Protein backbone atom coordinates (compact mmCIF):
# COMPACT_ATOMS: atom_id res chain seq x y z
CA UNK A 1 48.00 -10.00 -1.57
CA UNK A 2 48.18 -13.58 -2.84
CA UNK A 3 46.32 -14.58 -5.99
CA UNK A 4 44.27 -17.24 -4.15
CA UNK A 5 43.21 -14.72 -1.49
CA UNK A 6 42.24 -12.20 -4.16
CA UNK A 7 40.23 -14.82 -6.03
CA UNK A 8 38.50 -15.78 -2.79
CA UNK A 9 37.43 -12.19 -2.20
CA UNK A 10 36.18 -11.98 -5.80
CA UNK A 11 34.07 -15.12 -5.36
CA UNK A 12 32.62 -13.75 -2.11
CA UNK A 13 31.82 -10.47 -3.84
CA UNK A 14 30.01 -12.26 -6.67
CA UNK A 15 28.08 -14.34 -4.12
CA UNK A 16 27.09 -11.14 -2.27
CA UNK A 17 25.76 -9.74 -5.54
CA UNK A 18 23.27 -12.62 -5.73
CA UNK A 19 22.00 -12.21 -2.17
CA UNK A 20 19.41 -9.48 -2.98
CA UNK A 21 18.05 -11.62 -5.81
CA UNK A 22 17.92 -14.71 -3.57
CA UNK A 23 16.04 -12.75 -0.90
CA UNK A 24 13.68 -11.39 -3.55
CA UNK A 25 13.03 -14.87 -4.97
CA UNK A 26 12.32 -16.29 -1.51
CA UNK A 27 9.97 -13.40 -0.78
CA UNK A 28 8.20 -13.91 -4.09
CA UNK A 29 7.65 -17.65 -3.52
CA UNK A 30 6.36 -17.03 0.00
CA UNK A 31 3.75 -14.50 -1.13
CA UNK A 32 2.68 -16.64 -4.07
CA UNK A 33 2.20 -19.55 -1.66
CA UNK A 34 0.02 -17.39 0.64
CA UNK A 35 -1.46 -15.57 -2.36
CA UNK A 36 -5.07 -15.89 -1.24
CA UNK A 37 -4.28 -13.64 1.74
CA UNK A 38 -3.45 -10.87 -0.72
CA UNK A 39 -7.09 -10.96 -1.89
CA UNK A 40 -8.77 -9.89 1.33
CA UNK A 41 -9.57 -6.23 0.73
CA UNK A 42 -12.74 -5.37 -1.16
CA UNK A 43 -11.13 -2.20 -2.50
CA UNK A 44 -9.29 -4.47 -4.93
CA UNK A 45 -12.60 -4.91 -6.77
CA UNK A 46 -13.09 -1.25 -7.62
CA UNK A 47 -9.38 -0.71 -8.26
CA UNK A 48 -9.51 -3.38 -10.96
CA UNK A 49 -12.85 -2.11 -12.27
CA UNK A 50 -11.46 1.40 -12.77
CA UNK A 51 -8.40 -0.04 -14.49
CA UNK A 52 -10.67 -1.98 -16.83
CA UNK A 53 -12.63 1.19 -17.61
CA UNK A 54 -9.39 3.04 -18.44
CA UNK A 55 -8.25 0.25 -20.74
CA UNK A 56 -11.66 0.00 -22.45
CA UNK A 57 -12.12 3.74 -22.98
CA UNK A 58 -8.48 4.77 -23.45
CA UNK A 59 -9.25 7.67 -21.13
CA UNK A 60 -9.07 8.60 -17.46
CA UNK A 61 -11.98 9.34 -15.12
CA UNK A 62 -12.56 12.92 -14.03
CA UNK A 63 -15.98 12.41 -12.43
CA UNK A 64 -17.69 9.65 -10.48
CA UNK A 65 -19.88 7.23 -12.38
CA UNK A 66 -20.06 4.32 -9.90
CA UNK A 67 -22.28 5.74 -7.16
CA UNK A 68 -25.84 7.06 -7.16
CA UNK A 69 -25.06 9.45 -4.31
CA UNK A 70 -22.28 11.39 -6.07
CA UNK A 71 -22.94 10.95 -9.82
CA UNK A 72 -20.93 13.41 -11.87
CA UNK A 73 -19.02 14.73 -8.85
CA UNK A 74 -15.36 15.67 -9.57
CA UNK A 75 -13.03 12.77 -8.86
CA UNK A 76 -9.64 11.71 -10.21
CA UNK A 77 -7.79 8.45 -9.82
CA UNK A 78 -4.30 9.17 -8.45
CA UNK A 79 -3.46 5.44 -8.77
CA UNK A 80 -4.50 5.08 -12.39
CA UNK A 81 -1.32 3.29 -13.57
CA UNK A 82 -1.50 0.72 -10.78
CA UNK A 83 -5.16 0.14 -11.55
CA UNK A 84 -4.35 -0.45 -15.21
CA UNK A 85 -1.63 -2.95 -14.28
CA UNK A 86 -3.94 -4.82 -11.94
CA UNK A 87 -6.76 -4.81 -14.50
CA UNK A 88 -4.47 -6.08 -17.24
CA UNK A 89 -3.08 -8.88 -15.05
CA UNK A 90 -6.62 -9.83 -13.98
CA UNK A 91 -7.79 -9.95 -17.61
CA UNK A 92 -4.91 -12.27 -18.49
CA UNK A 93 -4.86 -14.69 -15.54
CA UNK A 94 -7.97 -14.00 -13.41
CA UNK A 95 -7.08 -13.52 -9.71
CA UNK A 96 -3.72 -15.20 -10.23
CA UNK A 97 -2.66 -12.08 -12.14
CA UNK A 98 -3.01 -9.59 -9.24
CA UNK A 99 -1.44 -12.14 -6.88
CA UNK A 100 1.64 -12.63 -9.08
CA UNK A 101 1.91 -8.88 -9.70
CA UNK A 102 1.74 -8.15 -5.98
CA UNK A 103 4.19 -10.91 -5.07
CA UNK A 104 6.63 -9.73 -7.73
CA UNK A 105 6.45 -6.15 -6.47
CA UNK A 106 7.03 -7.03 -2.82
CA UNK A 107 9.90 -9.32 -3.92
CA UNK A 108 11.43 -6.42 -5.84
CA UNK A 109 11.05 -4.28 -2.74
CA UNK A 110 12.90 -6.85 -0.63
CA UNK A 111 15.70 -7.16 -3.19
CA UNK A 112 16.16 -3.38 -3.43
CA UNK A 113 16.13 -3.13 0.38
CA UNK A 114 18.90 -5.68 0.79
CA UNK A 115 20.91 -4.02 -1.97
CA UNK A 116 20.65 -0.57 -0.37
CA UNK A 117 21.50 -1.82 3.12
CA UNK A 118 24.41 -3.88 1.80
CA UNK A 119 26.21 -0.63 0.95
CA UNK A 120 26.54 0.08 4.68
CA UNK A 121 25.88 -3.14 6.61
CA UNK A 122 26.92 -6.78 6.56
CA UNK A 123 24.70 -9.16 4.60
CA UNK A 124 23.29 -10.99 7.67
CA UNK A 125 22.07 -7.74 9.21
CA UNK A 126 20.71 -6.54 5.86
CA UNK A 127 18.70 -9.75 5.47
CA UNK A 128 17.52 -9.53 9.09
CA UNK A 129 16.26 -5.98 8.62
CA UNK A 130 14.46 -7.11 5.46
CA UNK A 131 12.69 -9.95 7.27
CA UNK A 132 11.64 -7.62 10.07
CA UNK A 133 10.34 -5.02 7.59
CA UNK A 134 8.28 -7.66 5.77
CA UNK A 135 6.91 -8.93 9.08
CA UNK A 136 5.81 -5.43 10.09
CA UNK A 137 4.17 -4.89 6.69
CA UNK A 138 2.23 -8.17 6.49
CA UNK A 139 -1.05 -6.59 7.60
CA UNK A 140 -0.97 -4.24 4.62
CA UNK A 141 0.43 -6.47 1.87
CA UNK A 142 -2.63 -6.62 -0.36
CA UNK A 143 -3.38 -6.55 -4.08
CA UNK A 144 -3.74 -2.78 -4.07
CA UNK A 145 -1.85 0.16 -5.63
CA UNK A 146 0.23 1.11 -2.58
CA UNK A 147 2.17 -2.15 -2.94
CA UNK A 148 3.14 -1.39 -6.55
CA UNK A 149 4.56 1.94 -5.36
CA UNK A 150 6.58 0.38 -2.51
CA UNK A 151 9.78 -0.43 -4.47
CA UNK A 152 9.70 3.05 -6.03
CA UNK A 153 9.43 4.61 -2.57
CA UNK A 154 12.36 2.54 -1.36
CA UNK A 155 14.53 3.35 -4.38
CA UNK A 156 13.70 7.07 -4.12
CA UNK A 157 14.52 7.42 -0.42
CA UNK A 158 17.54 5.12 -0.77
CA UNK A 159 18.98 7.31 -3.54
CA UNK A 160 18.34 10.49 -1.54
CA UNK A 161 20.00 9.03 1.56
CA UNK A 162 22.97 7.86 -0.53
CA UNK A 163 23.40 11.39 -1.86
CA UNK A 164 23.21 12.80 1.66
CA UNK A 165 25.78 10.26 2.86
CA UNK A 166 28.12 11.44 0.08
CA UNK A 167 27.43 15.06 1.09
CA UNK A 168 26.25 15.83 -2.42
CA UNK A 169 22.98 16.64 -4.21
CA UNK A 170 20.82 14.03 -5.94
CA UNK A 171 21.12 13.55 -9.67
CA UNK A 172 18.39 15.08 -11.82
CA UNK A 173 18.31 11.74 -13.58
CA UNK A 174 16.38 10.34 -10.61
CA UNK A 175 13.36 12.61 -11.13
CA UNK A 176 11.58 10.09 -13.42
CA UNK A 177 11.25 7.92 -10.29
CA UNK A 178 9.04 10.59 -8.74
CA UNK A 179 6.98 10.82 -11.93
CA UNK A 180 6.51 7.03 -11.89
CA UNK A 181 5.55 7.11 -8.20
CA UNK A 182 3.00 9.88 -8.81
CA UNK A 183 1.30 7.78 -11.49
CA UNK A 184 1.26 4.66 -9.33
CA UNK A 185 -0.03 5.94 -5.99
CA UNK A 186 -0.80 9.10 -4.05
CA UNK A 187 1.81 8.20 -1.42
CA UNK A 188 4.37 10.10 -3.51
CA UNK A 189 3.70 13.12 -1.27
CA UNK A 190 5.81 11.33 1.37
CA UNK A 191 8.72 11.31 -1.06
CA UNK A 192 8.33 15.05 -1.56
CA UNK A 193 8.10 15.68 2.19
CA UNK A 194 11.31 13.74 2.93
CA UNK A 195 13.45 15.81 0.56
CA UNK A 196 13.76 18.63 3.12
CA UNK A 197 15.16 16.74 6.13
CA UNK A 198 17.41 14.58 3.95
CA UNK A 199 18.76 17.75 2.34
CA UNK A 200 19.56 19.13 5.79
CA UNK A 201 21.49 15.93 6.55
CA UNK A 202 23.63 16.49 3.46
CA UNK A 203 24.17 20.20 4.14
CA UNK A 204 24.98 19.74 7.84
CA UNK A 205 27.95 17.48 7.10
CA UNK A 206 29.23 19.36 4.04
CA UNK A 207 32.24 21.65 4.14
CA UNK A 208 31.32 25.13 5.35
CA UNK A 209 32.39 26.77 2.12
CA UNK A 210 30.00 24.78 -0.04
CA UNK A 211 26.94 24.48 2.20
CA UNK A 212 24.97 27.29 0.57
CA UNK A 213 25.70 25.96 -2.91
CA UNK A 214 24.70 22.44 -1.88
CA UNK A 215 21.55 23.72 -0.20
CA UNK A 216 20.49 25.55 -3.37
CA UNK A 217 21.09 22.41 -5.44
CA UNK A 218 18.79 20.47 -3.11
CA UNK A 219 16.18 23.24 -3.32
CA UNK A 220 16.25 23.08 -7.11
CA UNK A 221 16.01 19.29 -6.96
CA UNK A 222 12.97 19.60 -4.67
CA UNK A 223 11.30 21.96 -7.14
CA UNK A 224 12.14 19.54 -9.93
CA UNK A 225 10.60 16.68 -7.91
CA UNK A 226 7.40 18.69 -7.43
CA UNK A 227 7.24 19.33 -11.17
CA UNK A 228 7.91 15.64 -11.84
CA UNK A 229 5.00 14.70 -9.56
CA UNK A 230 2.76 16.65 -11.92
CA UNK A 231 3.93 14.62 -14.92
CA UNK A 232 0.73 12.59 -14.98
CA UNK A 233 -2.37 12.76 -17.19
CA UNK A 234 -3.98 14.87 -14.44
CA UNK A 235 -1.11 17.36 -14.23
CA UNK A 236 -1.20 19.72 -11.25
CA UNK A 237 -4.40 18.05 -9.98
CA UNK A 238 -2.35 15.02 -8.93
CA UNK A 239 -0.67 16.53 -5.82
CA UNK A 240 -3.98 18.14 -4.80
CA UNK A 241 -5.89 14.88 -5.25
CA UNK A 242 -3.27 12.92 -3.32
CA UNK A 243 -3.60 15.16 -0.28
CA UNK A 244 -7.42 15.28 -0.21
CA UNK A 245 -7.56 12.13 1.92
CA UNK A 246 -5.62 13.91 4.68
CA UNK A 247 -8.40 16.47 5.08
CA UNK A 248 -11.05 13.95 6.10
CA UNK A 249 -10.61 14.63 9.82
CA UNK A 250 -12.67 12.38 12.08
CA UNK A 251 -13.35 9.95 9.25
CA UNK A 252 -9.72 8.77 9.33
CA UNK A 253 -10.35 7.34 12.81
CA UNK A 254 -12.99 4.86 11.60
CA UNK A 255 -11.29 3.55 8.44
CA UNK A 256 -9.01 0.73 9.58
CA UNK A 257 -5.87 1.57 7.59
CA UNK A 258 -6.07 5.21 8.66
CA UNK A 259 -6.64 4.45 12.33
CA UNK A 260 -3.90 5.13 14.89
CA UNK A 261 -1.83 2.21 16.13
CA UNK A 262 -3.51 0.18 18.87
CA UNK A 263 -1.35 -1.09 21.73
CA UNK A 264 -4.12 -2.81 23.69
CA UNK A 265 -2.38 -6.10 22.81
CA UNK A 266 1.24 -6.75 21.85
CA UNK A 267 1.96 -6.32 18.14
CA UNK A 268 5.00 -6.60 15.90
CA UNK A 269 5.04 -2.82 15.56
CA UNK A 270 5.17 -2.41 19.33
CA UNK A 271 8.05 -4.87 19.41
CA UNK A 272 9.82 -2.90 16.68
CA UNK A 273 9.51 0.34 18.62
CA UNK A 274 10.88 -1.26 21.78
CA UNK A 275 13.65 -2.88 19.74
CA UNK A 276 14.55 0.47 18.19
CA UNK A 277 14.84 2.07 21.63
CA UNK A 278 16.90 -0.88 22.92
CA UNK A 279 19.20 -0.71 19.89
CA UNK A 280 19.85 2.95 20.48
CA UNK A 281 20.78 2.38 24.11
CA UNK A 282 22.77 -0.80 23.53
CA UNK A 283 24.87 0.50 20.65
CA UNK A 284 25.11 4.04 21.96
CA UNK A 285 23.93 5.49 18.65
CA UNK A 286 24.71 9.15 18.10
CA UNK A 287 22.62 10.60 15.29
CA UNK A 288 22.54 13.96 13.59
CA UNK A 289 19.51 16.22 14.13
CA UNK A 290 18.08 15.55 10.62
CA UNK A 291 18.32 11.77 11.11
CA UNK A 292 16.63 12.07 14.49
CA UNK A 293 13.88 14.14 12.87
CA UNK A 294 13.42 11.55 10.11
CA UNK A 295 13.05 8.72 12.63
CA UNK A 296 10.64 10.74 14.78
CA UNK A 297 8.58 11.73 11.74
CA UNK A 298 8.33 8.16 10.44
CA UNK A 299 7.48 6.90 13.94
CA UNK A 300 4.82 9.57 14.39
CA UNK A 301 3.31 8.68 11.00
CA UNK A 302 3.15 4.98 11.94
CA UNK A 303 1.60 5.78 15.31
CA UNK A 304 -0.98 8.05 13.69
CA UNK A 305 -2.00 5.75 10.80
CA UNK A 306 -1.39 2.00 10.70
CA UNK A 307 -1.01 2.16 6.91
CA UNK A 308 2.26 4.09 7.50
CA UNK A 309 3.84 1.20 9.39
CA UNK A 310 5.42 -0.24 6.24
CA UNK A 311 7.06 3.13 5.52
CA UNK A 312 8.45 3.06 9.06
CA UNK A 313 9.62 -0.54 8.61
CA UNK A 314 11.50 0.06 5.36
CA UNK A 315 12.73 3.64 5.75
CA UNK A 316 13.98 3.77 9.36
CA UNK A 317 16.68 1.13 8.63
CA UNK A 318 17.84 3.24 5.67
CA UNK A 319 18.23 6.22 8.00
CA UNK A 320 20.18 4.12 10.53
CA UNK A 321 22.27 2.16 8.01
CA UNK A 322 25.27 4.47 7.84
CA UNK A 323 25.55 5.14 11.61
CA UNK A 324 25.25 1.40 12.28
CA UNK A 325 27.73 0.55 9.53
CA UNK A 326 30.30 2.96 10.97
CA UNK A 327 30.19 1.09 14.28
CA UNK A 328 31.27 -2.25 12.78
CA UNK A 329 34.01 -3.34 10.40
CA UNK A 330 33.03 -3.96 6.80
CA UNK A 331 34.30 -7.05 4.95
CA UNK A 332 37.06 -6.55 2.42
CA UNK A 333 35.90 -5.37 -1.01
CA UNK A 334 36.79 -6.63 -4.44
CA UNK A 335 40.43 -6.01 -5.33
CA UNK A 336 41.05 -4.32 -8.66
CA UNK A 337 41.42 -6.66 -11.58
CA UNK A 338 39.77 -9.73 -10.05
CA UNK A 339 36.18 -8.92 -11.06
CA UNK A 340 36.51 -9.96 -14.68
CA UNK A 341 34.14 -11.23 -17.33
CA UNK A 342 34.06 -14.86 -16.11
CA UNK A 343 32.87 -13.79 -12.66
CA UNK A 344 30.19 -11.57 -14.15
CA UNK A 345 29.13 -14.36 -16.47
CA UNK A 346 28.70 -16.72 -13.50
CA UNK A 347 26.71 -14.08 -11.62
CA UNK A 348 24.41 -13.47 -14.59
CA UNK A 349 23.90 -17.19 -15.07
CA UNK A 350 23.11 -17.60 -11.38
CA UNK A 351 20.58 -14.77 -11.54
CA UNK A 352 18.85 -16.32 -14.54
CA UNK A 353 18.69 -19.68 -12.79
CA UNK A 354 17.08 -18.09 -9.71
CA UNK A 355 14.46 -16.31 -11.83
CA UNK A 356 13.76 -19.48 -13.85
CA UNK A 357 13.39 -21.55 -10.67
CA UNK A 358 10.95 -19.02 -9.20
CA UNK A 359 8.80 -18.96 -12.35
CA UNK A 360 8.86 -22.76 -12.68
CA UNK A 361 7.72 -23.08 -9.07
CA UNK A 362 4.92 -20.61 -9.78
CA UNK A 363 3.74 -22.58 -12.81
CA UNK A 364 3.74 -25.85 -10.87
CA UNK A 365 1.85 -24.29 -7.96
CA UNK A 366 -0.73 -22.66 -10.22
CA UNK A 367 -1.26 -26.03 -11.90
CA UNK A 368 -3.06 -27.35 -8.82
CA UNK A 369 -4.13 -24.17 -7.01
CA UNK A 370 -6.70 -21.62 -8.14
CA UNK A 371 -6.48 -18.19 -6.53
CA UNK A 372 -9.84 -16.77 -5.49
CA UNK A 373 -10.96 -13.66 -3.67
CA UNK A 374 -11.91 -14.49 -0.10
CA UNK A 375 -15.60 -15.29 0.14
CA UNK A 376 -15.67 -14.69 3.89
CA UNK A 377 -16.54 -11.03 3.30
CA UNK A 378 -18.01 -11.06 -0.19
CA UNK A 379 -21.84 -10.97 -0.29
CA UNK A 380 -22.25 -13.00 -3.49
CA UNK A 381 -25.55 -14.68 -2.68
CA UNK A 382 -27.07 -11.51 -1.22
CA UNK A 383 -26.18 -9.48 -4.30
CA UNK A 384 -27.58 -12.22 -6.54
CA UNK A 385 -30.90 -11.85 -4.74
CA UNK A 386 -30.84 -8.06 -5.03
CA UNK A 387 -30.26 -8.33 -8.76
CA UNK A 388 -33.16 -10.78 -9.06
CA UNK A 389 -35.37 -8.27 -7.27
CA UNK A 390 -34.04 -5.50 -9.54
CA UNK A 391 -33.13 -3.28 -6.60
CA UNK A 392 -32.05 0.13 -7.90
CA UNK A 393 -30.85 2.15 -4.90
CA UNK A 394 -29.02 -0.05 -2.41
CA UNK A 395 -27.86 1.29 0.93
CA UNK A 396 -24.70 -0.83 1.14
CA UNK A 397 -22.13 -1.41 3.87
CA UNK A 398 -18.91 0.53 3.26
CA UNK A 399 -16.88 -2.66 2.72
CA UNK A 400 -19.37 -4.04 0.21
CA UNK A 401 -19.04 -1.09 -2.15
CA UNK A 402 -16.11 -2.49 -4.11
CA UNK A 403 -17.88 -5.77 -4.81
CA UNK A 404 -21.05 -4.00 -5.94
CA UNK A 405 -18.99 -1.89 -8.35
CA UNK A 406 -17.49 -5.09 -9.76
CA UNK A 407 -21.06 -6.27 -10.41
CA UNK A 408 -21.95 -3.00 -12.18
CA UNK A 409 -24.36 -1.99 -9.43
CA UNK A 410 -24.44 1.71 -8.42
CA UNK A 411 -23.30 2.10 -4.82
CA UNK A 412 -24.30 4.28 -1.89
CA UNK A 413 -20.65 4.45 -0.74
CA UNK A 414 -17.35 2.66 -1.30
CA UNK A 415 -13.67 2.94 -0.40
CA UNK A 416 -13.17 6.27 -2.20
CA UNK A 417 -13.70 8.26 0.99
CA UNK A 418 -12.25 11.44 -0.51
CA UNK A 419 -15.11 11.44 -3.05
CA UNK A 420 -17.88 11.30 -0.46
CA UNK A 421 -16.37 13.59 2.15
CA UNK A 422 -16.09 13.45 5.91
CA UNK A 423 -19.68 14.37 6.89
CA UNK A 424 -21.35 11.97 4.45
CA UNK A 425 -19.33 8.91 5.47
CA UNK A 426 -19.38 9.79 9.18
CA UNK A 427 -23.18 10.08 9.07
CA UNK A 428 -23.26 6.67 7.39
CA UNK A 429 -21.07 5.06 10.07
CA UNK A 430 -22.95 6.71 12.93
CA UNK A 431 -26.26 5.52 11.50
CA UNK A 432 -25.25 1.92 10.84
CA UNK A 433 -23.04 1.39 13.89
CA UNK A 434 -25.75 2.46 16.32
CA UNK A 435 -24.00 5.62 17.55
CA UNK A 436 -26.73 7.87 16.11
CA UNK A 437 -29.48 5.45 15.05
CA UNK A 438 -31.98 8.26 14.33
CA UNK A 439 -29.83 9.15 11.31
CA UNK A 440 -30.64 5.87 9.60
CA UNK A 441 -34.29 6.51 8.60
CA UNK A 442 -33.32 10.03 7.47
CA UNK A 443 -30.62 8.71 5.14
CA UNK A 444 -32.91 5.99 3.78
CA UNK A 445 -35.60 8.53 2.93
CA UNK A 446 -33.24 11.27 1.72
CA UNK A 447 -31.60 8.99 -0.84
CA UNK A 448 -34.82 7.10 -1.71
CA UNK A 449 -33.33 3.72 -0.74
CA UNK A 450 -35.35 0.65 -1.75
CA UNK A 451 -33.05 -2.03 -0.26
CA UNK A 452 -30.22 -2.26 2.26
CA UNK A 453 -27.19 -4.55 2.22
CA UNK A 454 -25.42 -4.44 5.56
CA UNK A 455 -22.89 -6.55 7.45
CA UNK A 456 -24.56 -9.39 9.34
CA UNK A 457 -22.95 -8.76 12.72
CA UNK A 458 -23.28 -4.94 12.63
CA UNK A 459 -25.92 -3.00 14.62
CA UNK A 460 -27.54 -1.64 11.45
CA UNK A 461 -29.65 -4.72 10.62
CA UNK A 462 -30.98 -4.88 14.20
CA UNK A 463 -32.02 -1.23 13.97
CA UNK A 464 -33.80 -1.90 10.70
CA UNK A 465 -35.62 -4.89 12.22
CA UNK A 466 -37.47 -2.41 14.43
CA UNK A 467 -37.83 0.36 11.91
CA UNK A 468 -41.35 0.93 10.59
CA UNK A 469 -41.70 0.33 6.87
CA UNK A 470 -38.78 -2.11 6.51
CA UNK A 471 -38.54 -5.88 6.61
CA UNK A 472 -35.68 -8.36 6.58
CA UNK A 473 -35.83 -10.76 3.61
CA UNK A 474 -32.40 -12.38 3.64
CA UNK A 475 -29.69 -13.31 6.14
CA UNK A 476 -26.45 -15.25 5.95
CA UNK A 477 -23.13 -15.13 7.79
CA UNK A 478 -21.92 -12.21 5.66
CA UNK A 479 -24.81 -9.90 4.83
CA UNK A 480 -28.39 -8.98 5.68
CA UNK A 481 -30.94 -7.55 3.24
CA UNK A 482 -33.87 -5.33 4.20
CA UNK A 483 -36.42 -3.94 1.74
CA UNK A 484 -39.24 -1.48 2.07
CA UNK A 485 -42.42 -3.07 3.39
CA UNK A 486 -45.52 -1.98 1.53
CA UNK A 487 -47.52 -2.86 4.62
CA UNK A 488 -45.93 0.07 6.47
CA UNK A 489 -48.65 0.00 9.07
CA UNK A 490 -47.35 -3.36 10.29
CA UNK A 491 -44.35 -2.72 12.55
CA UNK A 492 -43.71 -6.39 13.28
CA UNK A 493 -40.42 -7.53 11.68
CA UNK A 494 -40.71 -10.27 9.07
CA UNK A 495 -38.87 -13.54 9.72
CA UNK A 496 -35.45 -13.73 8.09
CA UNK A 497 -34.94 -15.96 5.10
CA UNK A 498 -31.55 -17.62 5.06
CA UNK A 499 -29.85 -19.25 2.12
């Protein structure tokens, strides 16, 4: 091999090393630029509020103290570390903090994704898969804890798949990743569930004489991962708390992120499924039984709950990477002796320049743009009026709960569905959505409600307009307020007062 050819390969290798960072930087700048779209979920309010409480009290919550319907009820925060990080960033930079934290995390996810795929695929295909995964995940990229856990999920599954591809067991040194994941978000149960099928992939392709030994090593690693998931301030309660949401039954069909995928109109996810089928036919992919199971499981999860689409988008390519890589020639790797200190120095300098450019761009952008939570679904004026009237027990819309918590107002319900339980929240939805309107007066009387704060275009306010003993006192494009009418004998609705 000539010296010039060897040097050329070395330069290409160093350039490849910067590709994940370049993709991450581009992803970061994109999400900073569209940062206001990350502030569109009212759950971000109570996530930050809980994080602030943890920082102020140097303790973790074990009971509810934000609602008047479940005061003192057992409740733990399985996303406590994410909430602390969001609260700290918010305290330092207002809403710019959660935006930058979220953008940084999704950028790290993209960089890790390209790095993991690059071990099996060419760079162009690795970058393409990354762009497609980000596109599929756009609907769920929000300033919420699941995003902070995304790079950990990717690293965990990537390391397990790499071990399976080597026909070996994972290193025990990776278990701290599971502990970190368990402190960031309850989605760590997915990481535990995937150990089994990935272990079968490793065992199936191992030499017959060492399959039992390898299987036992994976079993021990799985037990270690379960123990690591309990390495949180809540201990063994963490896995139990993380799975409580899955027992909510019918309620999961009315909460958007837990709804099944909807194919009434064409979506990116539908296109991805069709593309996956086409890829299998076109390339004639032959997969092992464990890989087929992994793809079917991830597809089923995404079809069952739309919040699982990002797991499908990022993890299915990891499952397919090796089979796809074996069907195409890989570029030549670095020859020995050409990857010296000068090349590494250039790579490090290039990485620092990319990071500096990204941060400089952020500073310039923040100099003339102020990130704010979307006001299109935040009932600021309505809540101001309720506070002026000193309303004590407010029957609030589910999506308004987070904002009320941020204003230190006790809530009827909020996004912590596992706290309230299936029957309670389903009764609430049936009453306010007009499916069982006779439930509404019962709930108002049972919980001694003195004011309601409901979504303007929902059926609930119209039901209240005709409900004896209640009158509408405020209306805007976001919310409607009703209060008890002392003149209960008068069933004629009062005219609405708009701001």
